[in-house]
Each structure stands twice: as C-alpha cells, then as structure tokens.
C-alpha cells in the first residue's frame, strides 16, 4: 500500500490491496506535509525525522477506492492491529510510514 504525493494533483493510494507494506512515495521537490495537506483527514499529519511521516488511518480510508468494502476494511483494520504491535500506530490512530522519493 502506497500513498503517492504529487505537486499538481491530489494524493493517491496505490496498491491498496497490499496489506503487508505501507509507505509514502513523494513526487515532490518540496515539503511533503504541504503536498499531503490537500488530502481529506490530513489535519494530524506529522513528520517523524526526515524519513517517516505519521498518516491518520482515516486518510488511508478516505483515499481508498475500496473504503466502503467491508472485506477491505476488515483487512485494513487487521493491518493496523498488526502494526500497533510493532509501535507503528500512535495514540492518535496514525500509521508511521516510511517516505521514499519517487524515481525520476
């Protein structure tokens, strides 16, 4: 599961049925949080150093084309529960995501 962030378009959730991986792919030359700010449920975004960002779980659901599918939600909630065991979910229900720069 990847959230792609663009300078000239809204963020997009790709590979959204892959519940074993979660990252943010930045297509920006500038500030990642600024690029994500236009997304729904983005109010509690926060960088964690330079290589990680805390993403609200509601943002992932809002970006998903399958957010209203009960089976997708079940699998997403299971992914979040598993991530919580490793400390990748904070007390604001945000998921810690590695940030990668998109290849040119």
PDB file of N, CA and C in Angstrom:
ATOM      1  N   UNK A   1       0.859  -1.159   0.000  1.00  0.00           N
ATOM      2  CA  UNK A   1       0.000   0.000   0.000  1.00  0.00           C
ATOM      3  C   UNK A   1       0.908   1.226   0.000  1.00  0.00           C
ATOM      4  N   UNK A   2       0.636   2.116  -0.941  1.00  0.00           N
ATOM      5  CA  UNK A   2       1.478   3.298  -1.101  1.00  0.00           C
ATOM      6  C   UNK A   2       0.615   4.537  -1.273  1.00  0.00           C
ATOM      7  N   UNK A   3       0.959   5.597  -0.565  1.00  0.00           N
ATOM      8  CA  UNK A   3       0.337   6.892  -0.800  1.00  0.00           C
ATOM      9  C   UNK A   3       1.323   7.703  -1.628  1.00  0.00           C
ATOM     10  N   UNK A   4       0.916   8.043  -2.856  1.00  0.00           N
ATOM     11  CA  UNK A   4       1.757   8.849  -3.741  1.00  0.00           C
ATOM     12  C   UNK A   4       1.329  10.303  -3.615  1.00  0.00           C
ATOM     13  N   UNK A   5       2.310  11.177  -3.419  1.00  0.00           N
ATOM     14  CA  UNK A   5       2.050  12.597  -3.207  1.00  0.00           C
ATOM     15  C   UNK A   5       2.675  13.378  -4.362  1.00  0.00           C
ATOM     16  N   UNK A   6       1.839  14.210  -5.007  1.00  0.00           N
ATOM     17  CA  UNK A   6       2.236  14.967  -6.185  1.00  0.00           C
ATOM     18  C   UNK A   6       2.112  16.464  -5.927  1.00  0.00           C
ATOM     19  N   UNK A   7       2.862  17.249  -6.683  1.00  0.00           N
ATOM     20  CA  UNK A   7       2.776  18.707  -6.558  1.00  0.00           C
ATOM     21  C   UNK A   7       1.519  19.248  -7.221  1.00  0.00           C
ATOM     22  N   UNK A   8       1.072  18.605  -8.290  1.00  0.00           N
ATOM     23  CA  UNK A   8      -0.016  19.163  -9.087  1.00  0.00           C
ATOM     24  C   UNK A   8      -1.275  18.310  -9.093  1.00  0.00           C
ATOM     25  N   UNK A   9      -1.389  17.386  -8.159  1.00  0.00           N
ATOM     26  CA  UNK A   9      -2.571  16.514  -8.090  1.00  0.00           C
ATOM     27  C   UNK A   9      -2.778  16.060  -6.653  1.00  0.00           C
ATOM     28  N   UNK A  10      -3.982  15.600  -6.376  1.00  0.00           N
ATOM     29  CA  UNK A  10      -4.296  15.090  -5.035  1.00  0.00           C
ATOM     30  C   UNK A  10      -3.509  13.813  -4.765  1.00  0.00           C
ATOM     31  N   UNK A  11      -3.207  13.536  -3.500  1.00  0.00           N
ATOM     32  CA  UNK A  11      -2.538  12.268  -3.172  1.00  0.00           C
ATOM     33  C   UNK A  11      -3.370  11.083  -3.649  1.00  0.00           C
ATOM     34  N   UNK A  12      -2.682  10.004  -4.004  1.00  0.00           N
ATOM     35  CA  UNK A  12      -3.351   8.801  -4.489  1.00  0.00           C
ATOM     36  C   UNK A  12      -2.875   7.591  -3.708  1.00  0.00           C
ATOM     37  N   UNK A  13      -3.811   6.701  -3.392  1.00  0.00           N
ATOM     38  CA  UNK A  13      -3.479   5.434  -2.755  1.00  0.00           C
ATOM     39  C   UNK A  13      -3.335   4.397  -3.857  1.00  0.00           C
ATOM     40  N   UNK A  14      -2.175   3.764  -3.920  1.00  0.00           N
ATOM     41  CA  UNK A  14      -1.910   2.739  -4.922  1.00  0.00           C
ATOM     42  C   UNK A  14      -1.584   1.432  -4.225  1.00  0.00           C
ATOM     43  N   UNK A  15      -1.769   0.346  -4.956  1.00  0.00           N
ATOM     44  CA  UNK A  15      -1.511  -0.999  -4.423  1.00  0.00           C
ATOM     45  C   UNK A  15      -2.287  -1.186  -3.114  1.00  0.00           C
ATOM     46  N   UNK A  16      -3.539  -0.739  -3.131  1.00  0.00           N
ATOM     47  CA  UNK A  16      -4.305  -0.661  -1.886  1.00  0.00           C
ATOM     48  C   UNK A  16      -4.770  -1.996  -1.336  1.00  0.00           C
ATOM     49  N   UNK A  17      -4.566  -3.061  -2.069  1.00  0.00           N
ATOM     50  CA  UNK A  17      -4.896  -4.386  -1.531  1.00  0.00           C
ATOM     51  C   UNK A  17      -3.667  -5.090  -0.964  1.00  0.00           C
ATOM     52  N   UNK A  18      -2.540  -4.404  -0.950  1.00  0.00           N
ATOM     53  CA  UNK A  18      -1.319  -4.952  -0.360  1.00  0.00           C
ATOM     54  C   UNK A  18      -1.274  -4.519   1.107  1.00  0.00           C
ATOM     55  N   UNK A  19      -1.694  -5.401   1.983  1.00  0.00           N
ATOM     56  CA  UNK A  19      -1.779  -5.080   3.411  1.00  0.00           C
ATOM     57  C   UNK A  19      -0.499  -5.449   4.165  1.00  0.00           C
ATOM     58  N   UNK A  20       0.551  -5.812   3.440  1.00  0.00           N
ATOM     59  CA  UNK A  20       1.809  -6.220   4.070  1.00  0.00           C
ATOM     60  C   UNK A  20       2.886  -5.143   3.961  1.00  0.00           C
ATOM     61  N   UNK A  21       2.569  -4.043   3.293  1.00  0.00           N
ATOM     62  CA  UNK A  21       3.543  -2.975   3.096  1.00  0.00           C
ATOM     63  C   UNK A  21       2.809  -1.640   3.155  1.00  0.00           C
ATOM     64  N   UNK A  22       3.471  -0.630   3.708  1.00  0.00           N
ATOM     65  CA  UNK A  22       2.861   0.697   3.780  1.00  0.00           C
ATOM     66  C   UNK A  22       3.965   1.737   3.704  1.00  0.00           C
ATOM     67  N   UNK A  23       3.849   2.640   2.730  1.00  0.00           N
ATOM     68  CA  UNK A  23       4.841   3.704   2.597  1.00  0.00           C
ATOM     69  C   UNK A  23       4.224   4.890   1.874  1.00  0.00           C
ATOM     70  N   UNK A  24       4.931   6.008   1.943  1.00  0.00           N
ATOM     71  CA  UNK A  24       4.569   7.210   1.213  1.00  0.00           C
ATOM     72  C   UNK A  24       5.645   7.417   0.153  1.00  0.00           C
ATOM     73  N   UNK A  25       5.206   7.639  -1.071  1.00  0.00           N
ATOM     74  CA  UNK A  25       6.125   7.906  -2.178  1.00  0.00           C
ATOM     75  C   UNK A  25       5.940   9.369  -2.570  1.00  0.00           C
ATOM     76  N   UNK A  26       6.998  10.142  -2.417  1.00  0.00           N
ATOM     77  CA  UNK A  26       6.935  11.580  -2.693  1.00  0.00           C
ATOM     78  C   UNK A  26       7.427  11.873  -4.104  1.00  0.00           C
ATOM     79  N   UNK A  27       6.564  12.540  -4.873  1.00  0.00           N
ATOM     80  CA  UNK A  27       6.911  13.017  -6.208  1.00  0.00           C
ATOM     81  C   UNK A  27       7.165  14.525  -6.143  1.00  0.00           C
ATOM     82  N   UNK A  28       7.488  15.008  -4.962  1.00  0.00           N
ATOM     83  CA  UNK A  28       7.661  16.441  -4.714  1.00  0.00           C
ATOM     84  C   UNK A  28       9.131  16.813  -4.641  1.00  0.00           C
ATOM     85  N   UNK A  29       9.405  18.062  -4.952  1.00  0.00           N
ATOM     86  CA  UNK A  29      10.747  18.579  -4.695  1.00  0.00           C
ATOM     87  C   UNK A  29      10.754  19.336  -3.369  1.00  0.00           C
ATOM     88  N   UNK A  30       9.552  19.642  -2.861  1.00  0.00           N
ATOM     89  CA  UNK A  30       9.438  20.443  -1.641  1.00  0.00           C
ATOM     90  C   UNK A  30       8.882  19.662  -0.460  1.00  0.00           C
ATOM     91  N   UNK A  31       8.148  20.359   0.361  1.00  0.00           N
ATOM     92  CA  UNK A  31       7.640  19.878   1.637  1.00  0.00           C
ATOM     93  C   UNK A  31       6.561  18.798   1.464  1.00  0.00           C
ATOM     94  N   UNK A  32       6.809  17.637   2.025  1.00  0.00           N
ATOM     95  CA  UNK A  32       5.870  16.523   1.935  1.00  0.00           C
ATOM     96  C   UNK A  32       4.547  16.845   2.623  1.00  0.00           C
ATOM     97  N   UNK A  33       4.590  17.445   3.800  1.00  0.00           N
ATOM     98  CA  UNK A  33       3.353  17.750   4.521  1.00  0.00           C
ATOM     99  C   UNK A  33       2.494  18.730   3.742  1.00  0.00           C
ATOM    100  N   UNK A  34       3.129  19.664   3.068  1.00  0.00           N
ATOM    101  CA  UNK A  34       2.373  20.611   2.253  1.00  0.00           C
ATOM    102  C   UNK A  34       1.667  19.877   1.115  1.00  0.00           C
ATOM    103  N   UNK A  35       2.326  18.898   0.525  1.00  0.00           N
ATOM    104  CA  UNK A  35       1.725  18.115  -0.544  1.00  0.00           C
ATOM    105  C   UNK A  35       0.568  17.259  -0.079  1.00  0.00           C
ATOM    106  N   UNK A  36       0.624  16.797   1.152  1.00  0.00           N
ATOM    107  CA  UNK A  36      -0.439  15.971   1.708  1.00  0.00           C
ATOM    108  C   UNK A  36      -1.581  16.793   2.302  1.00  0.00           C
ATOM    109  N   UNK A  37      -1.356  18.069   2.525  1.00  0.00           N
ATOM    110  CA  UNK A  37      -2.332  18.902   3.229  1.00  0.00           C
ATOM    111  C   UNK A  37      -3.675  18.996   2.524  1.00  0.00           C
ATOM    112  N   UNK A  38      -3.694  18.801   1.219  1.00  0.00           N
ATOM    113  CA  UNK A  38      -4.960  18.905   0.490  1.00  0.00           C
ATOM    114  C   UNK A  38      -5.809  17.642   0.610  1.00  0.00           C
ATOM    115  N   UNK A  39      -5.251  16.586   1.161  1.00  0.00           N
ATOM    116  CA  UNK A  39      -5.975  15.314   1.267  1.00  0.00           C
ATOM    117  C   UNK A  39      -7.001  15.372   2.397  1.00  0.00           C
ATOM    118  N   UNK A  40      -8.096  14.601   2.261  1.00  0.00           N
ATOM    119  CA  UNK A  40      -9.078  14.549   3.358  1.00  0.00           C
ATOM    120  C   UNK A  40      -8.443  13.908   4.600  1.00  0.00           C
ATOM    121  N   UNK A  41      -8.910  14.269   5.755  1.00  0.00           N
ATOM    122  CA  UNK A  41      -8.432  13.685   7.027  1.00  0.00           C
ATOM    123  C   UNK A  41      -6.944  13.912   7.246  1.00  0.00           C
ATOM    124  N   UNK A  42      -6.416  15.041   6.784  1.00  0.00           N
ATOM    125  CA  UNK A  42      -4.973  15.276   6.863  1.00  0.00           C
ATOM    126  C   UNK A  42      -4.558  16.152   8.039  1.00  0.00           C
ATOM    127  N   UNK A  43      -5.484  16.540   8.894  1.00  0.00           N
ATOM    128  CA  UNK A  43      -5.192  17.531   9.934  1.00  0.00           C
ATOM    129  C   UNK A  43      -4.089  17.101  10.897  1.00  0.00           C
ATOM    130  N   UNK A  44      -3.945  15.811  11.177  1.00  0.00           N
ATOM    131  CA  UNK A  44      -2.962  15.391  12.184  1.00  0.00           C
ATOM    132  C   UNK A  44      -1.711  14.763  11.591  1.00  0.00           C
ATOM    133  N   UNK A  45      -1.398  15.089  10.356  1.00  0.00           N
ATOM    134  CA  UNK A  45      -0.147  14.624   9.749  1.00  0.00           C
ATOM    135  C   UNK A  45       1.032  15.177  10.522  1.00  0.00           C
ATOM    136  N   UNK A  46       2.106  14.401  10.625  1.00  0.00           N
ATOM    137  CA  UNK A  46       3.309  14.895  11.284  1.00  0.00           C
ATOM    138  C   UNK A  46       4.518  14.132  10.775  1.00  0.00           C
ATOM    139  N   UNK A  47       5.576  14.853  10.481  1.00  0.00           N
ATOM    140  CA  UNK A  47       6.823  14.205  10.098  1.00  0.00           C
ATOM    141  C   UNK A  47       7.464  13.616  11.349  1.00  0.00           C
ATOM    142  N   UNK A  48       8.208  12.543  11.151  1.00  0.00           N
ATOM    143  CA  UNK A  48       8.984  11.890  12.207  1.00  0.00           C
ATOM    144  C   UNK A  48      10.403  11.778  11.659  1.00  0.00           C
ATOM    145  N   UNK A  49      11.191  12.807  11.894  1.00  0.00           N
ATOM    146  CA  UNK A  49      12.503  12.882  11.259  1.00  0.00           C
ATOM    147  C   UNK A  49      12.316  13.215   9.784  1.00  0.00           C
ATOM    148  N   UNK A  50      13.296  12.842   8.965  1.00  0.00           N
ATOM    149  CA  UNK A  50      13.210  13.139   7.533  1.00  0.00           C
ATOM    150  C   UNK A  50      12.642  11.980   6.727  1.00  0.00           C
ATOM    151  N   UNK A  51      12.661  10.785   7.297  1.00  0.00           N
ATOM    152  CA  UNK A  51      12.333   9.596   6.518  1.00  0.00           C
ATOM    153  C   UNK A  51      10.997   8.944   6.861  1.00  0.00           C
ATOM    154  N   UNK A  52      10.251   9.504   7.812  1.00  0.00           N
ATOM    155  CA  UNK A  52       8.982   8.903   8.224  1.00  0.00           C
ATOM    156  C   UNK A  52       7.930   9.992   8.397  1.00  0.00           C
ATOM    157  N   UNK A  53       6.681   9.597   8.198  1.00  0.00           N
ATOM    158  CA  UNK A  53       5.557  10.503   8.410  1.00  0.00           C
ATOM    159  C   UNK A  53       4.449   9.718   9.112  1.00  0.00           C
ATOM    160  N   UNK A  54       3.735  10.389  10.020  1.00  0.00           N
ATOM    161  CA  UNK A  54       2.579   9.790  10.686  1.00  0.00           C
ATOM    162  C   UNK A  54       1.344  10.134   9.863  1.00  0.00           C
ATOM    163  N   UNK A  55       0.662   9.101   9.358  1.00  0.00           N
ATOM    164  CA  UNK A  55      -0.502   9.250   8.482  1.00  0.00           C
ATOM    165  C   UNK A  55      -1.761   8.828   9.240  1.00  0.00           C
ATOM    166  N   UNK A  56      -2.763   9.674   9.356  1.00  0.00           N
ATOM    167  CA  UNK A  56      -4.010   9.263  10.022  1.00  0.00           C
ATOM    168  C   UNK A  56      -4.639   8.070   9.286  1.00  0.00           C
ATOM    169  N   UNK A  57      -5.095   7.084  10.040  1.00  0.00           N
ATOM    170  CA  UNK A  57      -5.711   5.921   9.380  1.00  0.00           C
ATOM    171  C   UNK A  57      -6.936   6.333   8.570  1.00  0.00           C
ATOM    172  N   UNK A  58      -7.628   7.383   8.993  1.00  0.00           N
ATOM    173  CA  UNK A  58      -8.779   7.878   8.243  1.00  0.00           C
ATOM    174  C   UNK A  58      -8.400   8.436   6.874  1.00  0.00           C
ATOM    175  N   UNK A  59      -7.183   8.947   6.749  1.00  0.00           N
ATOM    176  CA  UNK A  59      -6.710   9.435   5.455  1.00  0.00           C
ATOM    177  C   UNK A  59      -6.580   8.273   4.477  1.00  0.00           C
ATOM    178  N   UNK A  60      -6.054   7.158   4.949  1.00  0.00           N
ATOM    179  CA  UNK A  60      -5.897   5.985   4.085  1.00  0.00           C
ATOM    180  C   UNK A  60      -7.268   5.522   3.592  1.00  0.00           C
ATOM    181  N   UNK A  61      -8.225   5.434   4.509  1.00  0.00           N
ATOM    182  CA  UNK A  61      -9.582   5.007   4.137  1.00  0.00           C
ATOM    183  C   UNK A  61     -10.201   6.004   3.153  1.00  0.00           C
ATOM    184  N   UNK A  62      -9.999   7.300   3.402  1.00  0.00           N
ATOM    185  CA  UNK A  62     -10.573   8.325   2.521  1.00  0.00           C
ATOM    186  C   UNK A  62      -9.977   8.264   1.114  1.00  0.00           C
ATOM    187  N   UNK A  63      -8.709   7.913   0.994  1.00  0.00           N
ATOM    188  CA  UNK A  63      -8.058   7.828  -0.312  1.00  0.00           C
ATOM    189  C   UNK A  63      -8.371   6.523  -1.041  1.00  0.00           C
ATOM    190  N   UNK A  64      -8.828   5.536  -0.313  1.00  0.00           N
ATOM    191  CA  UNK A  64      -9.071   4.217  -0.904  1.00  0.00           C
ATOM    192  C   UNK A  64     -10.308   4.203  -1.796  1.00  0.00           C
ATOM    193  N   UNK A  65     -10.201   3.490  -2.898  1.00  0.00           N
ATOM    194  CA  UNK A  65     -11.359   3.243  -3.761  1.00  0.00           C
ATOM    195  C   UNK A  65     -12.230   2.130  -3.169  1.00  0.00           C
ATOM    196  N   UNK A  66     -11.709   1.444  -2.142  1.00  0.00           N
ATOM    197  CA  UNK A  66     -12.404   0.312  -1.549  1.00  0.00           C
ATOM    198  C   UNK A  66     -12.797   0.557  -0.095  1.00  0.00           C
ATOM    199  N   UNK A  67     -12.733   1.804   0.346  1.00  0.00           N
ATOM    200  CA  UNK A  67     -13.008   2.126   1.741  1.00  0.00           C
ATOM    201  C   UNK A  67     -14.399   1.760   2.217  1.00  0.00           C
ATOM    202  N   UNK A  68     -15.325   1.577   1.284  1.00  0.00           N
ATOM    203  CA  UNK A  68     -16.684   1.185   1.677  1.00  0.00           C
ATOM    204  C   UNK A  68     -16.915  -0.323   1.540  1.00  0.00           C
ATOM    205  N   UNK A  69     -15.878  -1.065   1.221  1.00  0.00           N
ATOM    206  CA  UNK A  69     -15.958  -2.521   1.100  1.00  0.00           C
ATOM    207  C   UNK A  69     -15.662  -3.146   2.469  1.00  0.00           C
ATOM    208  N   UNK A  70     -16.608  -3.862   3.059  1.00  0.00           N
ATOM    209  CA  UNK A  70     -16.396  -4.434   4.393  1.00  0.00           C
ATOM    210  C   UNK A  70     -15.178  -5.367   4.471  1.00  0.00           C
ATOM    211  N   UNK A  71     -14.915  -6.113   3.410  1.00  0.00           N
ATOM    212  CA  UNK A  71     -13.759  -7.026   3.423  1.00  0.00           C
ATOM    213  C   UNK A  71     -12.454  -6.239   3.395  1.00  0.00           C
ATOM    214  N   UNK A  72     -12.400  -5.185   2.588  1.00  0.00           N
ATOM    215  CA  UNK A  72     -11.203  -4.351   2.557  1.00  0.00           C
ATOM    216  C   UNK A  72     -10.984  -3.721   3.930  1.00  0.00           C
ATOM    217  N   UNK A  73     -12.054  -3.206   4.537  1.00  0.00           N
ATOM    218  CA  UNK A  73     -11.938  -2.586   5.865  1.00  0.00           C
ATOM    219  C   UNK A  73     -11.462  -3.594   6.905  1.00  0.00           C
ATOM    220  N   UNK A  74     -11.967  -4.824   6.828  1.00  0.00           N
ATOM    221  CA  UNK A  74     -11.533  -5.865   7.772  1.00  0.00           C
ATOM    222  C   UNK A  74     -10.028  -6.098   7.644  1.00  0.00           C
ATOM    223  N   UNK A  75      -9.561  -6.191   6.414  1.00  0.00           N
ATOM    224  CA  UNK A  75      -8.133  -6.426   6.201  1.00  0.00           C
ATOM    225  C   UNK A  75      -7.293  -5.209   6.597  1.00  0.00           C
ATOM    226  N   UNK A  76      -7.807  -4.013   6.327  1.00  0.00           N
ATOM    227  CA  UNK A  76      -7.096  -2.807   6.730  1.00  0.00           C
ATOM    228  C   UNK A  76      -6.998  -2.729   8.248  1.00  0.00           C
ATOM    229  N   UNK A  77      -8.089  -2.998   8.943  1.00  0.00           N
ATOM    230  CA  UNK A  77      -8.080  -2.975  10.409  1.00  0.00           C
ATOM    231  C   UNK A  77      -7.143  -4.032  10.972  1.00  0.00           C
ATOM    232  N   UNK A  78      -7.049  -5.186  10.314  1.00  0.00           N
ATOM    233  CA  UNK A  78      -6.108  -6.224  10.748  1.00  0.00           C
ATOM    234  C   UNK A  78      -4.666  -5.754  10.554  1.00  0.00           C
ATOM    235  N   UNK A  79      -4.402  -5.046   9.437  1.00  0.00           N
ATOM    236  CA  UNK A  79      -3.068  -4.497   9.198  1.00  0.00           C
ATOM    237  C   UNK A  79      -2.708  -3.482  10.283  1.00  0.00           C
ATOM    238  N   UNK A  80      -3.655  -2.610  10.617  1.00  0.00           N
ATOM    239  CA  UNK A  80      -3.419  -1.607  11.656  1.00  0.00           C
ATOM    240  C   UNK A  80      -3.162  -2.280  13.006  1.00  0.00           C
ATOM    241  N   UNK A  81      -3.942  -3.303  13.331  1.00  0.00           N
ATOM    242  CA  UNK A  81      -3.752  -4.020  14.599  1.00  0.00           C
ATOM    243  C   UNK A  81      -2.369  -4.662  14.658  1.00  0.00           C
ATOM    244  N   UNK A  82      -1.922  -5.237  13.553  1.00  0.00           N
ATOM    245  CA  UNK A  82      -0.598  -5.862  13.495  1.00  0.00           C
ATOM    246  C   UNK A  82       0.485  -4.795  13.636  1.00  0.00           C
ATOM    247  N   UNK A  83       0.321  -3.668  12.949  1.00  0.00           N
ATOM    248  CA  UNK A  83       1.306  -2.590  13.018  1.00  0.00           C
ATOM    249  C   UNK A  83       1.403  -2.024  14.440  1.00  0.00           C
ATOM    250  N   UNK A  84       0.285  -2.012  15.144  1.00  0.00           N
ATOM    251  CA  UNK A  84       0.267  -1.496  16.518  1.00  0.00           C
ATOM    252  C   UNK A  84       1.192  -2.303  17.422  1.00  0.00           C
ATOM    253  N   UNK A  85       1.288  -3.601  17.175  1.00  0.00           N
ATOM    254  CA  UNK A  85       2.164  -4.465  17.969  1.00  0.00           C
ATOM    255  C   UNK A  85       3.627  -4.050  17.851  1.00  0.00           C
ATOM    256  N   UNK A  86       3.982  -3.413  16.752  1.00  0.00           N
ATOM    257  CA  UNK A  86       5.369  -3.011  16.496  1.00  0.00           C
ATOM    258  C   UNK A  86       5.616  -1.535  16.793  1.00  0.00           C
ATOM    259  N   UNK A  87       4.606  -0.836  17.321  1.00  0.00           N
ATOM    260  CA  UNK A  87       4.766   0.574  17.649  1.00  0.00           C
ATOM    261  C   UNK A  87       4.617   1.499  16.459  1.00  0.00           C
ATOM    262  N   UNK A  88       4.021   1.013  15.377  1.00  0.00           N
ATOM    263  CA  UNK A  88       3.863   1.819  14.171  1.00  0.00           C
ATOM    264  C   UNK A  88       2.519   2.548  14.143  1.00  0.00           C
ATOM    265  N   UNK A  89       1.740   2.443  15.206  1.00  0.00           N
ATOM    266  CA  UNK A  89       0.484   3.174  15.351  1.00  0.00           C
ATOM    267  C   UNK A  89       0.590   3.974  16.648  1.00  0.00           C
ATOM    268  N   UNK A  90       0.280   5.255  16.566  1.00  0.00           N
ATOM    269  CA  UNK A  90       0.371   6.063  17.788  1.00  0.00           C
ATOM    270  C   UNK A  90      -1.008   6.207  18.439  1.00  0.00           C
ATOM    271  N   UNK A  91      -1.065   6.985  19.510  1.00  0.00           N
ATOM    272  CA  UNK A  91      -2.321   7.127  20.262  1.00  0.00           C
ATOM    273  C   UNK A  91      -3.348   8.008  19.549  1.00  0.00           C
ATOM    274  N   UNK A  92      -3.004   8.546  18.384  1.00  0.00           N
ATOM    275  CA  UNK A  92      -3.953   9.322  17.576  1.00  0.00           C
ATOM    276  C   UNK A  92      -4.418   8.521  16.353  1.00  0.00           C
ATOM    277  N   UNK A  93      -4.177   7.220  16.376  1.00  0.00           N
ATOM    278  CA  UNK A  93      -4.544   6.332  15.262  1.00  0.00           C
ATOM    279  C   UNK A  93      -3.853   6.717  13.962  1.00  0.00           C
ATOM    280  N   UNK A  94      -2.597   7.140  14.083  1.00  0.00           N
ATOM    281  CA  UNK A  94      -1.803   7.447  12.905  1.00  0.00           C
ATOM    282  C   UNK A  94      -0.820   6.301  12.667  1.00  0.00           C
ATOM    283  N   UNK A  95      -0.575   6.029  11.390  1.00  0.00           N
ATOM    284  CA  UNK A  95       0.320   4.953  10.985  1.00  0.00           C
ATOM    285  C   UNK A  95       1.660   5.571  10.600  1.00  0.00           C
ATOM    286  N   UNK A  96       2.736   5.007  11.119  1.00  0.00           N
ATOM    287  CA  UNK A  96       4.075   5.506  10.779  1.00  0.00           C
ATOM    288  C   UNK A  96       4.475   4.905   9.436  1.00  0.00           C
ATOM    289  N   UNK A  97       4.732   5.766   8.473  1.00  0.00           N
ATOM    290  CA  UNK A  97       5.061   5.331   7.120  1.00  0.00           C
ATOM    291  C   UNK A  97       6.443   5.809   6.717  1.00  0.00           C
ATOM    292  N   UNK A  98       7.197   4.932   6.097  1.00  0.00           N
ATOM    293  CA  UNK A  98       8.487   5.305   5.526  1.00  0.00           C
ATOM    294  C   UNK A  98       8.235   6.173   4.297  1.00  0.00           C
ATOM    295  N   UNK A  99       9.048   7.192   4.113  1.00  0.00           N
ATOM    296  CA  UNK A  99       8.915   8.078   2.963  1.00  0.00           C
ATOM    297  C   UNK A  99      10.033   7.755   1.973  1.00  0.00           C
ATOM    298  N   UNK A 100       9.632   7.534   0.737  1.00  0.00           N
ATOM    299  CA  UNK A 100      10.593   7.309  -0.341  1.00  0.00           C
ATOM    300  C   UNK A 100      10.413   8.390  -1.398  1.00  0.00           C
ATOM    301  N   UNK A 101      11.499   8.797  -2.017  1.00  0.00           N
ATOM    302  CA  UNK A 101      11.414   9.714  -3.157  1.00  0.00           C
ATOM    303  C   UNK A 101      11.135   8.875  -4.393  1.00  0.00           C
ATOM    304  N   UNK A 102      10.217   9.334  -5.214  1.00  0.00           N
ATOM    305  CA  UNK A 102       9.902   8.635  -6.456  1.00  0.00           C
ATOM    306  C   UNK A 102      11.102   8.702  -7.385  1.00  0.00           C
ATOM    307  N   UNK A 103      11.336   7.626  -8.111  1.00  0.00           N
ATOM    308  CA  UNK A 103      12.426   7.655  -9.082  1.00  0.00           C
ATOM    309  C   UNK A 103      11.972   8.463 -10.296  1.00  0.00           C
ATOM    310  N   UNK A 104      12.916   9.132 -10.871  1.00  0.00           N
ATOM    311  CA  UNK A 104      12.595  10.038 -11.993  1.00  0.00           C
ATOM    312  C   UNK A 104      12.153   9.329 -13.239  1.00  0.00           C
TER     313      UNK A 104
END
